Amino acid sequence: AYLNGHQDHFTMLGGQESTRSMLHLAELFR
């Protein structure tokens, strides 16, 4: 949702933006 512009930040309730690794997010992007 952040990458597609539906929100202006990658922030989550409970700070859960930290639950996945950098490599996980990179592969998700690909």
mmCIF file of all heavy atoms, coordinates in Angstrom:
data_MODEL
# 
_entry.id   MODEL 
# 
loop_
_atom_site.group_PDB 
_atom_site.id 
_atom_site.type_symbol 
_atom_site.label_atom_id 
_atom_site.label_alt_id 
_atom_site.label_comp_id 
_atom_site.label_asym_id 
_atom_site.label_entity_id 
_atom_site.label_seq_id 
_atom_site.pdbx_PDB_ins_code 
_atom_site.Cartn_x 
_atom_site.Cartn_y 
_atom_site.Cartn_z 
_atom_site.occupancy 
_atom_site.B_iso_or_equiv 
_atom_site.pdbx_formal_charge 
_atom_site.auth_seq_id 
_atom_site.auth_comp_id 
_atom_site.auth_asym_id 
_atom_site.auth_atom_id 
_atom_site.pdbx_PDB_model_num 
ATOM 1   N N   . ALA A 1 1  ? 0.838  -1.212  0.000  1.00 0.00 ? 1  ALA A N   1 
ATOM 2   C CA  . ALA A 1 1  ? 0.000  0.000   0.000  1.00 0.00 ? 1  ALA A CA  1 
ATOM 3   C C   . ALA A 1 1  ? 0.867  1.254   0.000  1.00 0.00 ? 1  ALA A C   1 
ATOM 4   O O   . ALA A 1 1  ? 0.555  2.240   -0.683 1.00 0.00 ? 1  ALA A O   1 
ATOM 5   C CB  . ALA A 1 1  ? -0.921 -0.011  1.215  1.00 0.00 ? 1  ALA A CB  1 
ATOM 6   N N   . TYR A 1 2  ? 1.970  1.231   0.741  1.00 0.00 ? 2  TYR A N   1 
ATOM 7   C CA  . TYR A 1 2  ? 2.898  2.365   0.757  1.00 0.00 ? 2  TYR A CA  1 
ATOM 8   C C   . TYR A 1 2  ? 3.565  2.538   -0.612 1.00 0.00 ? 2  TYR A C   1 
ATOM 9   O O   . TYR A 1 2  ? 3.603  3.647   -1.164 1.00 0.00 ? 2  TYR A O   1 
ATOM 10  C CB  . TYR A 1 2  ? 3.951  2.152   1.844  1.00 0.00 ? 2  TYR A CB  1 
ATOM 11  C CG  . TYR A 1 2  ? 5.155  3.049   1.716  1.00 0.00 ? 2  TYR A CG  1 
ATOM 12  C CD1 . TYR A 1 2  ? 5.046  4.428   1.869  1.00 0.00 ? 2  TYR A CD1 1 
ATOM 13  C CD2 . TYR A 1 2  ? 6.405  2.514   1.418  1.00 0.00 ? 2  TYR A CD2 1 
ATOM 14  C CE1 . TYR A 1 2  ? 6.162  5.262   1.735  1.00 0.00 ? 2  TYR A CE1 1 
ATOM 15  C CE2 . TYR A 1 2  ? 7.519  3.335   1.286  1.00 0.00 ? 2  TYR A CE2 1 
ATOM 16  C CZ  . TYR A 1 2  ? 7.389  4.704   1.437  1.00 0.00 ? 2  TYR A CZ  1 
ATOM 17  O OH  . TYR A 1 2  ? 8.485  5.511   1.301  1.00 0.00 ? 2  TYR A OH  1 
ATOM 18  N N   . LEU A 1 3  ? 4.073  1.464   -1.162 1.00 0.00 ? 3  LEU A N   1 
ATOM 19  C CA  . LEU A 1 3  ? 4.762  1.551   -2.452 1.00 0.00 ? 3  LEU A CA  1 
ATOM 20  C C   . LEU A 1 3  ? 3.842  2.066   -3.561 1.00 0.00 ? 3  LEU A C   1 
ATOM 21  O O   . LEU A 1 3  ? 4.288  2.752   -4.478 1.00 0.00 ? 3  LEU A O   1 
ATOM 22  C CB  . LEU A 1 3  ? 5.332  0.183   -2.832 1.00 0.00 ? 3  LEU A CB  1 
ATOM 23  C CG  . LEU A 1 3  ? 6.448  -0.363  -1.938 1.00 0.00 ? 3  LEU A CG  1 
ATOM 24  C CD1 . LEU A 1 3  ? 6.751  -1.810  -2.301 1.00 0.00 ? 3  LEU A CD1 1 
ATOM 25  C CD2 . LEU A 1 3  ? 7.708  0.484   -2.032 1.00 0.00 ? 3  LEU A CD2 1 
ATOM 26  N N   . ASN A 1 4  ? 2.552  1.736   -3.452 1.00 0.00 ? 4  ASN A N   1 
ATOM 27  C CA  . ASN A 1 4  ? 1.597  2.143   -4.486 1.00 0.00 ? 4  ASN A CA  1 
ATOM 28  C C   . ASN A 1 4  ? 0.937  3.486   -4.204 1.00 0.00 ? 4  ASN A C   1 
ATOM 29  O O   . ASN A 1 4  ? 0.019  3.893   -4.924 1.00 0.00 ? 4  ASN A O   1 
ATOM 30  C CB  . ASN A 1 4  ? 0.525  1.064   -4.673 1.00 0.00 ? 4  ASN A CB  1 
ATOM 31  C CG  . ASN A 1 4  ? 0.796  0.197   -5.897 1.00 0.00 ? 4  ASN A CG  1 
ATOM 32  O OD1 . ASN A 1 4  ? 1.400  0.651   -6.869 1.00 0.00 ? 4  ASN A OD1 1 
ATOM 33  N ND2 . ASN A 1 4  ? 0.345  -1.045  -5.863 1.00 0.00 ? 4  ASN A ND2 1 
ATOM 34  N N   . GLY A 1 5  ? 1.390  4.179   -3.155 1.00 0.00 ? 5  GLY A N   1 
ATOM 35  C CA  . GLY A 1 5  ? 0.926  5.538   -2.930 1.00 0.00 ? 5  GLY A CA  1 
ATOM 36  C C   . GLY A 1 5  ? -0.385 5.683   -2.198 1.00 0.00 ? 5  GLY A C   1 
ATOM 37  O O   . GLY A 1 5  ? -0.948 6.783   -2.146 1.00 0.00 ? 5  GLY A O   1 
ATOM 38  N N   . HIS A 1 6  ? -0.889 4.597   -1.602 1.00 0.00 ? 6  HIS A N   1 
ATOM 39  C CA  . HIS A 1 6  ? -2.140 4.695   -0.854 1.00 0.00 ? 6  HIS A CA  1 
ATOM 40  C C   . HIS A 1 6  ? -1.931 5.293   0.533  1.00 0.00 ? 6  HIS A C   1 
ATOM 41  O O   . HIS A 1 6  ? -2.895 5.663   1.195  1.00 0.00 ? 6  HIS A O   1 
ATOM 42  C CB  . HIS A 1 6  ? -2.805 3.326   -0.752 1.00 0.00 ? 6  HIS A CB  1 
ATOM 43  C CG  . HIS A 1 6  ? -3.262 2.792   -2.076 1.00 0.00 ? 6  HIS A CG  1 
ATOM 44  N ND1 . HIS A 1 6  ? -4.329 3.346   -2.761 1.00 0.00 ? 6  HIS A ND1 1 
ATOM 45  C CD2 . HIS A 1 6  ? -2.799 1.782   -2.848 1.00 0.00 ? 6  HIS A CD2 1 
ATOM 46  C CE1 . HIS A 1 6  ? -4.492 2.690   -3.893 1.00 0.00 ? 6  HIS A CE1 1 
ATOM 47  N NE2 . HIS A 1 6  ? -3.582 1.752   -3.980 1.00 0.00 ? 6  HIS A NE2 1 
ATOM 48  N N   . GLN A 1 7  ? -0.696 5.332   0.981  1.00 0.00 ? 7  GLN A N   1 
ATOM 49  C CA  . GLN A 1 7  ? -0.342 6.023   2.222  1.00 0.00 ? 7  GLN A CA  1 
ATOM 50  C C   . GLN A 1 7  ? 1.068  6.557   2.047  1.00 0.00 ? 7  GLN A C   1 
ATOM 51  O O   . GLN A 1 7  ? 1.835  6.036   1.231  1.00 0.00 ? 7  GLN A O   1 
ATOM 52  C CB  . GLN A 1 7  ? -0.458 5.095   3.424  1.00 0.00 ? 7  GLN A CB  1 
ATOM 53  C CG  . GLN A 1 7  ? 0.292  3.785   3.329  1.00 0.00 ? 7  GLN A CG  1 
ATOM 54  C CD  . GLN A 1 7  ? -0.155 2.796   4.400  1.00 0.00 ? 7  GLN A CD  1 
ATOM 55  O OE1 . GLN A 1 7  ? -1.199 2.170   4.304  1.00 0.00 ? 7  GLN A OE1 1 
ATOM 56  N NE2 . GLN A 1 7  ? 0.648  2.679   5.448  1.00 0.00 ? 7  GLN A NE2 1 
ATOM 57  N N   . ASP A 1 8  ? 1.402  7.565   2.818  1.00 0.00 ? 8  ASP A N   1 
ATOM 58  C CA  . ASP A 1 8  ? 2.664  8.278   2.600  1.00 0.00 ? 8  ASP A CA  1 
ATOM 59  C C   . ASP A 1 8  ? 3.812  7.774   3.454  1.00 0.00 ? 8  ASP A C   1 
ATOM 60  O O   . ASP A 1 8  ? 4.867  8.419   3.518  1.00 0.00 ? 8  ASP A O   1 
ATOM 61  C CB  . ASP A 1 8  ? 2.459  9.773   2.870  1.00 0.00 ? 8  ASP A CB  1 
ATOM 62  C CG  . ASP A 1 8  ? 1.464  10.386  1.890  1.00 0.00 ? 8  ASP A CG  1 
ATOM 63  O OD1 . ASP A 1 8  ? 1.451  9.950   0.730  1.00 0.00 ? 8  ASP A OD1 1 
ATOM 64  O OD2 . ASP A 1 8  ? 0.705  11.284  2.299  1.00 0.00 ? 8  ASP A OD2 1 
ATOM 65  N N   . HIS A 1 9  ? 3.638  6.652   4.114  1.00 0.00 ? 9  HIS A N   1 
ATOM 66  C CA  . HIS A 1 9  ? 4.639  6.164   5.063  1.00 0.00 ? 9  HIS A CA  1 
ATOM 67  C C   . HIS A 1 9  ? 4.494  4.661   5.211  1.00 0.00 ? 9  HIS A C   1 
ATOM 68  O O   . HIS A 1 9  ? 3.447  4.089   4.894  1.00 0.00 ? 9  HIS A O   1 
ATOM 69  C CB  . HIS A 1 9  ? 4.420  6.824   6.432  1.00 0.00 ? 9  HIS A CB  1 
ATOM 70  C CG  . HIS A 1 9  ? 3.015  6.598   6.947  1.00 0.00 ? 9  HIS A CG  1 
ATOM 71  N ND1 . HIS A 1 9  ? 2.667  5.473   7.650  1.00 0.00 ? 9  HIS A ND1 1 
ATOM 72  C CD2 . HIS A 1 9  ? 1.891  7.336   6.805  1.00 0.00 ? 9  HIS A CD2 1 
ATOM 73  C CE1 . HIS A 1 9  ? 1.366  5.524   7.925  1.00 0.00 ? 9  HIS A CE1 1 
ATOM 74  N NE2 . HIS A 1 9  ? 0.869  6.640   7.422  1.00 0.00 ? 9  HIS A NE2 1 
ATOM 75  N N   . PHE A 1 10 ? 5.545  4.039   5.691  1.00 0.00 ? 10 PHE A N   1 
ATOM 76  C CA  . PHE A 1 10 ? 5.530  2.608   5.998  1.00 0.00 ? 10 PHE A CA  1 
ATOM 77  C C   . PHE A 1 10 ? 5.564  2.460   7.517  1.00 0.00 ? 10 PHE A C   1 
ATOM 78  O O   . PHE A 1 10 ? 6.569  2.107   8.119  1.00 0.00 ? 10 PHE A O   1 
ATOM 79  C CB  . PHE A 1 10 ? 6.726  1.923   5.333  1.00 0.00 ? 10 PHE A CB  1 
ATOM 80  C CG  . PHE A 1 10 ? 6.822  0.441   5.609  1.00 0.00 ? 10 PHE A CG  1 
ATOM 81  C CD1 . PHE A 1 10 ? 5.704  -0.361  5.673  1.00 0.00 ? 10 PHE A CD1 1 
ATOM 82  C CD2 . PHE A 1 10 ? 8.069  -0.144  5.792  1.00 0.00 ? 10 PHE A CD2 1 
ATOM 83  C CE1 . PHE A 1 10 ? 5.809  -1.724  5.929  1.00 0.00 ? 10 PHE A CE1 1 
ATOM 84  C CE2 . PHE A 1 10 ? 8.195  -1.503  6.036  1.00 0.00 ? 10 PHE A CE2 1 
ATOM 85  C CZ  . PHE A 1 10 ? 7.064  -2.289  6.105  1.00 0.00 ? 10 PHE A CZ  1 
ATOM 86  N N   . THR A 1 11 ? 4.440  2.815   8.133  1.00 0.00 ? 11 THR A N   1 
ATOM 87  C CA  . THR A 1 11 ? 4.286  2.757   9.585  1.00 0.00 ? 11 THR A CA  1 
ATOM 88  C C   . THR A 1 11 ? 3.052  1.930   9.893  1.00 0.00 ? 11 THR A C   1 
ATOM 89  O O   . THR A 1 11 ? 2.032  2.080   9.225  1.00 0.00 ? 11 THR A O   1 
ATOM 90  C CB  . THR A 1 11 ? 4.108  4.167   10.187 1.00 0.00 ? 11 THR A CB  1 
ATOM 91  O OG1 . THR A 1 11 ? 5.193  4.993   9.777  1.00 0.00 ? 11 THR A OG1 1 
ATOM 92  C CG2 . THR A 1 11 ? 4.043  4.121   11.701 1.00 0.00 ? 11 THR A CG2 1 
ATOM 93  N N   . MET A 1 12 ? 3.136  1.064   10.909 1.00 0.00 ? 12 MET A N   1 
ATOM 94  C CA  . MET A 1 12 ? 2.013  0.185   11.232 1.00 0.00 ? 12 MET A CA  1 
ATOM 95  C C   . MET A 1 12 ? 1.636  0.286   12.700 1.00 0.00 ? 12 MET A C   1 
ATOM 96  O O   . MET A 1 12 ? 2.446  0.698   13.535 1.00 0.00 ? 12 MET A O   1 
ATOM 97  C CB  . MET A 1 12 ? 2.373  -1.266  10.893 1.00 0.00 ? 12 MET A CB  1 
ATOM 98  C CG  . MET A 1 12 ? 2.612  -1.526  9.423  1.00 0.00 ? 12 MET A CG  1 
ATOM 99  S SD  . MET A 1 12 ? 3.119  -3.234  9.078  1.00 0.00 ? 12 MET A SD  1 
ATOM 100 C CE  . MET A 1 12 ? 1.655  -4.150  9.600  1.00 0.00 ? 12 MET A CE  1 
ATOM 101 N N   . LEU A 1 13 ? 0.398  -0.094  12.995 1.00 0.00 ? 13 LEU A N   1 
ATOM 102 C CA  . LEU A 1 13 ? -0.006 -0.211  14.389 1.00 0.00 ? 13 LEU A CA  1 
ATOM 103 C C   . LEU A 1 13 ? 0.904  -1.220  15.074 1.00 0.00 ? 13 LEU A C   1 
ATOM 104 O O   . LEU A 1 13 ? 1.288  -2.234  14.487 1.00 0.00 ? 13 LEU A O   1 
ATOM 105 C CB  . LEU A 1 13 ? -1.455 -0.690  14.492 1.00 0.00 ? 13 LEU A CB  1 
ATOM 106 C CG  . LEU A 1 13 ? -2.536 0.116   13.769 1.00 0.00 ? 13 LEU A CG  1 
ATOM 107 C CD1 . LEU A 1 13 ? -3.911 -0.460  14.099 1.00 0.00 ? 13 LEU A CD1 1 
ATOM 108 C CD2 . LEU A 1 13 ? -2.479 1.588   14.122 1.00 0.00 ? 13 LEU A CD2 1 
ATOM 109 N N   . GLY A 1 14 ? 1.259  -0.941  16.317 1.00 0.00 ? 14 GLY A N   1 
ATOM 110 C CA  . GLY A 1 14 ? 2.085  -1.884  17.060 1.00 0.00 ? 14 GLY A CA  1 
ATOM 111 C C   . GLY A 1 14 ? 3.519  -1.959  16.591 1.00 0.00 ? 14 GLY A C   1 
ATOM 112 O O   . GLY A 1 14 ? 4.257  -2.858  16.999 1.00 0.00 ? 14 GLY A O   1 
ATOM 113 N N   . GLY A 1 15 ? 3.930  -1.042  15.714 1.00 0.00 ? 15 GLY A N   1 
ATOM 114 C CA  . GLY A 1 15 ? 5.302  -1.079  15.214 1.00 0.00 ? 15 GLY A CA  1 
ATOM 115 C C   . GLY A 1 15 ? 5.615  -2.308  14.382 1.00 0.00 ? 15 GLY A C   1 
ATOM 116 O O   . GLY A 1 15 ? 6.784  -2.707  14.242 1.00 0.00 ? 15 GLY A O   1 
ATOM 117 N N   . GLN A 1 16 ? 4.584  -2.915  13.770 1.00 0.00 ? 16 GLN A N   1 
ATOM 118 C CA  . GLN A 1 16 ? 4.786  -4.190  13.088 1.00 0.00 ? 16 GLN A CA  1 
ATOM 119 C C   . GLN A 1 16 ? 5.471  -4.069  11.730 1.00 0.00 ? 16 GLN A C   1 
ATOM 120 O O   . GLN A 1 16 ? 5.714  -5.067  11.063 1.00 0.00 ? 16 GLN A O   1 
ATOM 121 C CB  . GLN A 1 16 ? 3.459  -4.943  12.960 1.00 0.00 ? 16 GLN A CB  1 
ATOM 122 C CG  . GLN A 1 16 ? 2.987  -5.471  14.291 1.00 0.00 ? 16 GLN A CG  1 
ATOM 123 C CD  . GLN A 1 16 ? 2.077  -6.679  14.156 1.00 0.00 ? 16 GLN A CD  1 
ATOM 124 O OE1 . GLN A 1 16 ? 2.067  -7.387  13.160 1.00 0.00 ? 16 GLN A OE1 1 
ATOM 125 N NE2 . GLN A 1 16 ? 1.301  -6.922  15.187 1.00 0.00 ? 16 GLN A NE2 1 
ATOM 126 N N   . GLU A 1 17 ? 5.818  -2.846  11.334 1.00 0.00 ? 17 GLU A N   1 
ATOM 127 C CA  . GLU A 1 17 ? 6.641  -2.720  10.123 1.00 0.00 ? 17 GLU A CA  1 
ATOM 128 C C   . GLU A 1 17 ? 8.002  -3.385  10.304 1.00 0.00 ? 17 GLU A C   1 
ATOM 129 O O   . GLU A 1 17 ? 8.715  -3.643  9.322  1.00 0.00 ? 17 GLU A O   1 
ATOM 130 C CB  . GLU A 1 17 ? 6.818  -1.246  9.746  1.00 0.00 ? 17 GLU A CB  1 
ATOM 131 C CG  . GLU A 1 17 ? 7.587  -0.407  10.750 1.00 0.00 ? 17 GLU A CG  1 
ATOM 132 C CD  . GLU A 1 17 ? 6.724  0.203   11.838 1.00 0.00 ? 17 GLU A CD  1 
ATOM 133 O OE1 . GLU A 1 17 ? 5.574  -0.232  12.019 1.00 0.00 ? 17 GLU A OE1 1 
ATOM 134 O OE2 . GLU A 1 17 ? 7.225  1.131   12.508 1.00 0.00 ? 17 GLU A OE2 1 
ATOM 135 N N   . SER A 1 18 ? 8.366  -3.698  11.551 1.00 0.00 ? 18 SER A N   1 
ATOM 136 C CA  . SER A 1 18 ? 9.681  -4.288  11.827 1.00 0.00 ? 18 SER A CA  1 
ATOM 137 C C   . SER A 1 18 ? 9.677  -5.815  11.816 1.00 0.00 ? 18 SER A C   1 
ATOM 138 O O   . SER A 1 18 ? 10.708 -6.430  12.062 1.00 0.00 ? 18 SER A O   1 
ATOM 139 C CB  . SER A 1 18 ? 10.181 -3.818  13.201 1.00 0.00 ? 18 SER A CB  1 
ATOM 140 O OG  . SER A 1 18 ? 9.348  -4.325  14.239 1.00 0.00 ? 18 SER A OG  1 
ATOM 141 N N   . THR A 1 19 ? 8.529  -6.452  11.500 1.00 0.00 ? 19 THR A N   1 
ATOM 142 C CA  . THR A 1 19 ? 8.462  -7.913  11.646 1.00 0.00 ? 19 THR A CA  1 
ATOM 143 C C   . THR A 1 19 ? 9.036  -8.693  10.468 1.00 0.00 ? 19 THR A C   1 
ATOM 144 O O   . THR A 1 19 ? 9.136  -9.912  10.537 1.00 0.00 ? 19 THR A O   1 
ATOM 145 C CB  . THR A 1 19 ? 7.013  -8.379  11.878 1.00 0.00 ? 19 THR A CB  1 
ATOM 146 O OG1 . THR A 1 19 ? 6.223  -8.077  10.722 1.00 0.00 ? 19 THR A OG1 1 
ATOM 147 C CG2 . THR A 1 19 ? 6.410  -7.742  13.117 1.00 0.00 ? 19 THR A CG2 1 
ATOM 148 N N   . ARG A 1 20 ? 9.378  -8.023  9.381  1.00 0.00 ? 20 ARG A N   1 
ATOM 149 C CA  . ARG A 1 20 ? 9.984  -8.716  8.238  1.00 0.00 ? 20 ARG A CA  1 
ATOM 150 C C   . ARG A 1 20 ? 11.350 -8.097  7.940  1.00 0.00 ? 20 ARG A C   1 
ATOM 151 O O   . ARG A 1 20 ? 11.575 -6.910  8.161  1.00 0.00 ? 20 ARG A O   1 
ATOM 152 C CB  . ARG A 1 20 ? 9.091  -8.624  7.009  1.00 0.00 ? 20 ARG A CB  1 
ATOM 153 C CG  . ARG A 1 20 ? 7.771  -9.389  7.095  1.00 0.00 ? 20 ARG A CG  1 
ATOM 154 C CD  . ARG A 1 20 ? 7.946  -10.880 7.236  1.00 0.00 ? 20 ARG A CD  1 
ATOM 155 N NE  . ARG A 1 20 ? 6.719  -11.599 6.860  1.00 0.00 ? 20 ARG A NE  1 
ATOM 156 C CZ  . ARG A 1 20 ? 6.539  -12.897 6.992  1.00 0.00 ? 20 ARG A CZ  1 
ATOM 157 N NH1 . ARG A 1 20 ? 7.500  -13.651 7.514  1.00 0.00 ? 20 ARG A NH1 1 
ATOM 158 N NH2 . ARG A 1 20 ? 5.415  -13.485 6.621  1.00 0.00 ? 20 ARG A NH2 1 
ATOM 159 N N   . SER A 1 21 ? 12.242 -8.915  7.401  1.00 0.00 ? 21 SER A N   1 
ATOM 160 C CA  . SER A 1 21 ? 13.617 -8.495  7.165  1.00 0.00 ? 21 SER A CA  1 
ATOM 161 C C   . SER A 1 21 ? 13.758 -7.665  5.896  1.00 0.00 ? 21 SER A C   1 
ATOM 162 O O   . SER A 1 21 ? 12.866 -7.638  5.033  1.00 0.00 ? 21 SER A O   1 
ATOM 163 C CB  . SER A 1 21 ? 14.519 -9.720  7.048  1.00 0.00 ? 21 SER A CB  1 
ATOM 164 O OG  . SER A 1 21 ? 14.251 -10.402 5.824  1.00 0.00 ? 21 SER A OG  1 
ATOM 165 N N   . MET A 1 22 ? 14.912 -7.023  5.769  1.00 0.00 ? 22 MET A N   1 
ATOM 166 C CA  . MET A 1 22 ? 15.236 -6.273  4.563  1.00 0.00 ? 22 MET A CA  1 
ATOM 167 C C   . MET A 1 22 ? 15.182 -7.174  3.333  1.00 0.00 ? 22 MET A C   1 
ATOM 168 O O   . MET A 1 22 ? 14.647 -6.795  2.284  1.00 0.00 ? 22 MET A O   1 
ATOM 169 C CB  . MET A 1 22 ? 16.635 -5.665  4.707  1.00 0.00 ? 22 MET A CB  1 
ATOM 170 C CG  . MET A 1 22 ? 17.178 -5.012  3.449  1.00 0.00 ? 22 MET A CG  1 
ATOM 171 S SD  . MET A 1 22 ? 18.828 -4.321  3.700  1.00 0.00 ? 22 MET A SD  1 
ATOM 172 C CE  . MET A 1 22 ? 19.811 -5.796  3.982  1.00 0.00 ? 22 MET A CE  1 
ATOM 173 N N   . LEU A 1 23 ? 15.752 -8.377  3.435  1.00 0.00 ? 23 LEU A N   1 
ATOM 174 C CA  . LEU A 1 23 ? 15.757 -9.285  2.290  1.00 0.00 ? 23 LEU A CA  1 
ATOM 175 C C   . LEU A 1 23 ? 14.338 -9.726  1.930  1.00 0.00 ? 23 LEU A C   1 
ATOM 176 O O   . LEU A 1 23 ? 14.011 -9.893  0.746  1.00 0.00 ? 23 LEU A O   1 
ATOM 177 C CB  . LEU A 1 23 ? 16.630 -10.503 2.594  1.00 0.00 ? 23 LEU A CB  1 
ATOM 178 C CG  . LEU A 1 23 ? 18.140 -10.241 2.605  1.00 0.00 ? 23 LEU A CG  1 
ATOM 179 C CD1 . LEU A 1 23 ? 18.885 -11.495 3.058  1.00 0.00 ? 23 LEU A CD1 1 
ATOM 180 C CD2 . LEU A 1 23 ? 18.637 -9.798  1.230  1.00 0.00 ? 23 LEU A CD2 1 
ATOM 181 N N   . HIS A 1 24 ? 13.490 -9.926  2.939  1.00 0.00 ? 24 HIS A N   1 
ATOM 182 C CA  . HIS A 1 24 ? 12.097 -10.294 2.679  1.00 0.00 ? 24 HIS A CA  1 
ATOM 183 C C   . HIS A 1 24 ? 11.406 -9.180  1.891  1.00 0.00 ? 24 HIS A C   1 
ATOM 184 O O   . HIS A 1 24 ? 10.700 -9.448  0.897  1.00 0.00 ? 24 HIS A O   1 
ATOM 185 C CB  . HIS A 1 24 ? 11.365 -10.542 3.998  1.00 0.00 ? 24 HIS A CB  1 
ATOM 186 C CG  . HIS A 1 24 ? 9.912  -10.877 3.818  1.00 0.00 ? 24 HIS A CG  1 
ATOM 187 N ND1 . HIS A 1 24 ? 9.448  -12.170 3.727  1.00 0.00 ? 24 HIS A ND1 1 
ATOM 188 C CD2 . HIS A 1 24 ? 8.813  -10.071 3.699  1.00 0.00 ? 24 HIS A CD2 1 
ATOM 189 C CE1 . HIS A 1 24 ? 8.137  -12.154 3.559  1.00 0.00 ? 24 HIS A CE1 1 
ATOM 190 N NE2 . HIS A 1 24 ? 7.732  -10.898 3.540  1.00 0.00 ? 24 HIS A NE2 1 
ATOM 191 N N   . LEU A 1 25 ? 11.597 -7.938  2.316  1.00 0.00 ? 25 LEU A N   1 
ATOM 192 C CA  . LEU A 1 25 ? 10.960 -6.812  1.629  1.00 0.00 ? 25 LEU A CA  1 
ATOM 193 C C   . LEU A 1 25 ? 11.500 -6.643  0.208  1.00 0.00 ? 25 LEU A C   1 
ATOM 194 O O   . LEU A 1 25 ? 10.752 -6.304  -0.717 1.00 0.00 ? 25 LEU A O   1 
ATOM 195 C CB  . LEU A 1 25 ? 11.173 -5.525  2.428  1.00 0.00 ? 25 LEU A CB  1 
ATOM 196 C CG  . LEU A 1 25 ? 10.543 -5.488  3.830  1.00 0.00 ? 25 LEU A CG  1 
ATOM 197 C CD1 . LEU A 1 25 ? 10.874 -4.173  4.517  1.00 0.00 ? 25 LEU A CD1 1 
ATOM 198 C CD2 . LEU A 1 25 ? 9.034  -5.710  3.778  1.00 0.00 ? 25 LEU A CD2 1 
ATOM 199 N N   . ALA A 1 26 ? 12.788 -6.898  0.026  1.00 0.00 ? 26 ALA A N   1 
ATOM 200 C CA  . ALA A 1 26 ? 13.372 -6.779  -1.312 1.00 0.00 ? 26 ALA A CA  1 
ATOM 201 C C   . ALA A 1 26 ? 12.769 -7.813  -2.265 1.00 0.00 ? 26 ALA A C   1 
ATOM 202 O O   . ALA A 1 26 ? 12.434 -7.500  -3.419 1.00 0.00 ? 26 ALA A O   1 
ATOM 203 C CB  . ALA A 1 26 ? 14.888 -6.936  -1.244 1.00 0.00 ? 26 ALA A CB  1 
ATOM 204 N N   . GLU A 1 27 ? 12.627 -9.054  -1.791 1.00 0.00 ? 27 GLU A N   1 
ATOM 205 C CA  . GLU A 1 27 ? 12.040 -10.091 -2.650 1.00 0.00 ? 27 GLU A CA  1 
ATOM 206 C C   . GLU A 1 27 ? 10.564 -9.805  -2.898 1.00 0.00 ? 27 GLU A C   1 
ATOM 207 O O   . GLU A 1 27 ? 10.053 -10.045 -4.001 1.00 0.00 ? 27 GLU A O   1 
ATOM 208 C CB  . GLU A 1 27 ? 12.227 -11.466 -2.012 1.00 0.00 ? 27 GLU A CB  1 
ATOM 209 C CG  . GLU A 1 27 ? 11.748 -12.626 -2.869 1.00 0.00 ? 27 GLU A CG  1 
ATOM 210 C CD  . GLU A 1 27 ? 12.479 -12.744 -4.212 1.00 0.00 ? 27 GLU A CD  1 
ATOM 211 O OE1 . GLU A 1 27 ? 13.543 -12.116 -4.398 1.00 0.00 ? 27 GLU A OE1 1 
ATOM 212 O OE2 . GLU A 1 27 ? 11.971 -13.485 -5.082 1.00 0.00 ? 27 GLU A OE2 1 
ATOM 213 N N   . LEU A 1 28 ? 9.874  -9.291  -1.893 1.00 0.00 ? 28 LEU A N   1 
ATOM 214 C CA  . LEU A 1 28 ? 8.475  -8.885  -2.075 1.00 0.00 ? 28 LEU A CA  1 
ATOM 215 C C   . LEU A 1 28 ? 8.372  -7.852  -3.195 1.00 0.00 ? 28 LEU A C   1 
ATOM 216 O O   . LEU A 1 28 ? 7.480  -7.931  -4.053 1.00 0.00 ? 28 LEU A O   1 
ATOM 217 C CB  . LEU A 1 28 ? 7.949  -8.323  -0.750 1.00 0.00 ? 28 LEU A CB  1 
ATOM 218 C CG  . LEU A 1 28 ? 6.495  -7.865  -0.664 1.00 0.00 ? 28 LEU A CG  1 
ATOM 219 C CD1 . LEU A 1 28 ? 6.021  -7.911  0.781  1.00 0.00 ? 28 LEU A CD1 1 
ATOM 220 C CD2 . LEU A 1 28 ? 6.282  -6.462  -1.219 1.00 0.00 ? 28 LEU A CD2 1 
ATOM 221 N N   . PHE A 1 29 ? 9.280  -6.899  -3.197 1.00 0.00 ? 29 PHE A N   1 
ATOM 222 C CA  . PHE A 1 29 ? 9.272  -5.848  -4.218 1.00 0.00 ? 29 PHE A CA  1 
ATOM 223 C C   . PHE A 1 29 ? 9.439  -6.459  -5.614 1.00 0.00 ? 29 PHE A C   1 
ATOM 224 O O   . PHE A 1 29 ? 8.711  -6.106  -6.551 1.00 0.00 ? 29 PHE A O   1 
ATOM 225 C CB  . PHE A 1 29 ? 10.399 -4.860  -3.936 1.00 0.00 ? 29 PHE A CB  1 
ATOM 226 C CG  . PHE A 1 29 ? 10.437 -3.685  -4.869 1.00 0.00 ? 29 PHE A CG  1 
ATOM 227 C CD1 . PHE A 1 29 ? 9.682  -2.551  -4.608 1.00 0.00 ? 29 PHE A CD1 1 
ATOM 228 C CD2 . PHE A 1 29 ? 11.231 -3.708  -6.007 1.00 0.00 ? 29 PHE A CD2 1 
ATOM 229 C CE1 . PHE A 1 29 ? 9.723  -1.462  -5.470 1.00 0.00 ? 29 PHE A CE1 1 
ATOM 230 C CE2 . PHE A 1 29 ? 11.275 -2.628  -6.872 1.00 0.00 ? 29 PHE A CE2 1 
ATOM 231 C CZ  . PHE A 1 29 ? 10.507 -1.503  -6.604 1.00 0.00 ? 29 PHE A CZ  1 
ATOM 232 N N   . ARG A 1 30 ? 10.398 -7.379  -5.759 1.00 0.00 ? 30 ARG A N   1 
ATOM 233 C CA  . ARG A 1 30 ? 10.617 -8.014  -7.064 1.00 0.00 ? 30 ARG A CA  1 
ATOM 234 C C   . ARG A 1 30 ? 9.367  -8.763  -7.530 1.00 0.00 ? 30 ARG A C   1 
ATOM 235 O O   . ARG A 1 30 ? 8.954  -8.670  -8.698 1.00 0.00 ? 30 ARG A O   1 
ATOM 236 C CB  . ARG A 1 30 ? 11.803 -8.983  -6.988 1.00 0.00 ? 30 ARG A CB  1 
ATOM 237 C CG  . ARG A 1 30 ? 13.159 -8.342  -6.698 1.00 0.00 ? 30 ARG A CG  1 
ATOM 238 C CD  . ARG A 1 30 ? 14.253 -9.405  -6.682 1.00 0.00 ? 30 ARG A CD  1 
ATOM 239 N NE  . ARG A 1 30 ? 15.559 -8.868  -6.294 1.00 0.00 ? 30 ARG A NE  1 
ATOM 240 C CZ  . ARG A 1 30 ? 16.055 -8.933  -5.059 1.00 0.00 ? 30 ARG A CZ  1 
ATOM 241 N NH1 . ARG A 1 30 ? 15.354 -9.524  -4.089 1.00 0.00 ? 30 ARG A NH1 1 
ATOM 242 N NH2 . ARG A 1 30 ? 17.249 -8.415  -4.791 1.00 0.00 ? 30 ARG A NH2 1 
# 
